[in-house]
Amino acid sequence: MGFEDIEAWNRSCRLSAAIYKCLQDCRDSGFKDQITCGGLSVPSNIAEGFEHKDDEDAIEFFNTAKSSCGVLLTQVHIGMEVGYIPKDIGLMWKNEAEQLSKMLTALIESRSNS
């Protein structure tokens, strides 16, 4: 099994791609950079954590991915508030980030108990 088999990795990759596609014409580079960075951080840290055989190291990266979900949620809220992200899309992204955070909690717990 590789990190590509982890549901949270797959879903976070799709979310990151959706963010890029939706905001490709956004002229606010500061906002765009922040939200795309947050989106990229989730699957990147899941992959990096999975590649570590030491559970403690892996958990550190999974925690970073979980923290990035919080960053992403914040950016989605702000993006909806200022009109960069349509409300229906923002609510879908918000829900997905919350689900990813829960999945990461489960992944962290499973590595903590191994």
Protein backbone atom coordinates (compact mmCIF):
# COMPACT_ATOMS: atom_id res chain seq x y z
CA MET A 1 0.00 0.00 0.00
CA GLY A 2 1.26 3.45 -0.91
CA PHE A 3 0.08 6.94 -0.02
CA GLU A 4 -1.88 6.98 -3.31
CA ASP A 5 -4.15 4.37 -1.72
CA ILE A 6 -5.10 6.62 1.20
CA GLU A 7 -8.56 8.13 0.73
CA ALA A 8 -7.59 11.35 2.50
CA TRP A 9 -4.67 11.83 0.10
CA ASN A 10 -6.89 11.28 -2.96
CA ARG A 11 -9.63 13.57 -1.72
CA SER A 12 -7.20 16.30 -0.69
CA CYS A 13 -5.53 16.15 -4.13
CA ARG A 14 -8.92 16.61 -5.78
CA LEU A 15 -9.74 19.50 -3.45
CA SER A 16 -6.42 21.18 -4.16
CA ALA A 17 -6.97 20.85 -7.91
CA ALA A 18 -10.50 22.27 -7.57
CA ILE A 19 -9.13 25.28 -5.69
CA TYR A 20 -6.56 25.94 -8.41
CA LYS A 21 -9.18 25.64 -11.16
CA CYS A 22 -11.73 27.86 -9.43
CA LEU A 23 -9.26 30.59 -8.55
CA GLN A 24 -7.10 30.57 -11.69
CA ASP A 25 -8.38 34.03 -12.65
CA CYS A 26 -8.21 35.50 -9.14
CA ARG A 27 -6.11 38.67 -9.30
CA ASP A 28 -5.42 38.81 -5.55
CA SER A 29 -2.11 36.97 -5.56
CA GLY A 30 -1.74 37.13 -1.77
CA PHE A 31 -5.05 35.37 -1.20
CA LYS A 32 -4.58 32.97 -4.10
CA ASP A 33 -1.10 31.98 -2.91
CA GLN A 34 -2.30 31.43 0.66
CA ILE A 35 -5.29 29.24 -0.18
CA THR A 36 -3.50 27.20 -2.84
CA CYS A 37 -0.56 26.68 -0.48
CA GLY A 38 -2.93 25.49 2.24
CA GLY A 39 -4.62 23.16 -0.22
CA LEU A 40 -1.31 21.75 -1.47
CA SER A 41 0.00 21.23 2.03
CA VAL A 42 -2.63 18.65 2.95
CA PRO A 43 -1.85 15.91 0.40
CA SER A 44 1.87 16.75 0.40
CA ASN A 45 2.16 16.20 4.15
CA ILE A 46 0.05 13.05 4.01
CA ALA A 47 2.43 11.64 1.39
CA GLU A 48 5.52 12.70 3.32
CA GLY A 49 4.17 11.26 6.55
CA PHE A 50 3.26 7.99 4.90
CA GLU A 51 6.77 7.62 3.54
CA HIS A 52 8.21 7.77 7.08
CA LYS A 53 8.41 4.35 8.67
CA ASP A 54 8.88 5.84 12.13
CA ASP A 55 5.41 6.42 13.59
CA GLU A 56 6.42 9.54 15.51
CA ASP A 57 7.76 11.21 12.35
CA ALA A 58 4.72 10.16 10.34
CA ILE A 59 2.36 11.56 12.97
CA GLU A 60 4.15 14.90 12.87
CA PHE A 61 3.45 15.22 9.14
CA PHE A 62 -0.14 14.05 9.52
CA ASN A 63 -0.60 16.71 12.22
CA THR A 64 0.80 19.32 9.83
CA ALA A 65 -1.70 18.16 7.19
CA LYS A 66 -4.49 18.46 9.75
CA SER A 67 -3.33 21.96 10.68
CA SER A 68 -3.37 22.87 6.99
CA CYS A 69 -7.04 21.88 6.92
CA GLY A 70 -7.63 24.63 9.48
CA VAL A 71 -5.71 27.12 7.35
CA LEU A 72 -7.73 26.07 4.34
CA LEU A 73 -11.02 26.44 6.23
CA THR A 74 -10.02 29.94 7.27
CA GLN A 75 -9.15 30.94 3.72
CA VAL A 76 -12.43 29.51 2.40
CA HIS A 77 -14.40 31.55 4.95
CA ILE A 78 -12.53 34.71 3.99
CA GLY A 79 -12.81 33.97 0.28
CA MET A 80 -16.57 33.58 0.54
CA GLU A 81 -16.86 36.73 2.64
CA VAL A 82 -15.02 38.90 0.11
CA GLY A 83 -16.68 37.29 -2.90
CA TYR A 84 -13.71 35.38 -4.35
CA ILE A 85 -15.38 32.03 -3.78
CA PRO A 86 -19.05 31.42 -4.64
CA LYS A 87 -20.96 30.36 -1.54
CA ASP A 88 -22.04 26.96 -2.91
CA ILE A 89 -18.47 26.05 -3.84
CA GLY A 90 -17.10 27.41 -0.57
CA LEU A 91 -19.54 25.34 1.45
CA MET A 92 -18.49 22.20 -0.45
CA TRP A 93 -14.81 22.99 0.17
CA LYS A 94 -15.51 23.73 3.82
CA ASN A 95 -17.28 20.40 4.24
CA GLU A 96 -14.47 18.55 2.47
CA ALA A 97 -11.77 20.20 4.60
CA GLU A 98 -13.71 19.28 7.75
CA GLN A 99 -14.05 15.66 6.57
CA LEU A 100 -10.34 15.53 5.73
CA SER A 101 -9.50 16.80 9.20
CA LYS A 102 -11.56 13.97 10.72
CA MET A 103 -9.88 11.43 8.45
CA LEU A 104 -6.48 12.73 9.50
CA THR A 105 -7.45 12.42 13.17
CA ALA A 106 -8.23 8.75 12.51
CA LEU A 107 -4.96 8.29 10.63
CA ILE A 108 -3.02 9.88 13.49
CA GLU A 109 -4.78 7.66 16.03
CA SER A 110 -4.08 4.53 14.01
CA ARG A 111 -0.36 5.35 13.78
CA SER A 112 -0.31 6.25 17.48
CA ASN A 113 -1.67 2.83 18.40
CA SER A 114 0.64 0.77 16.19
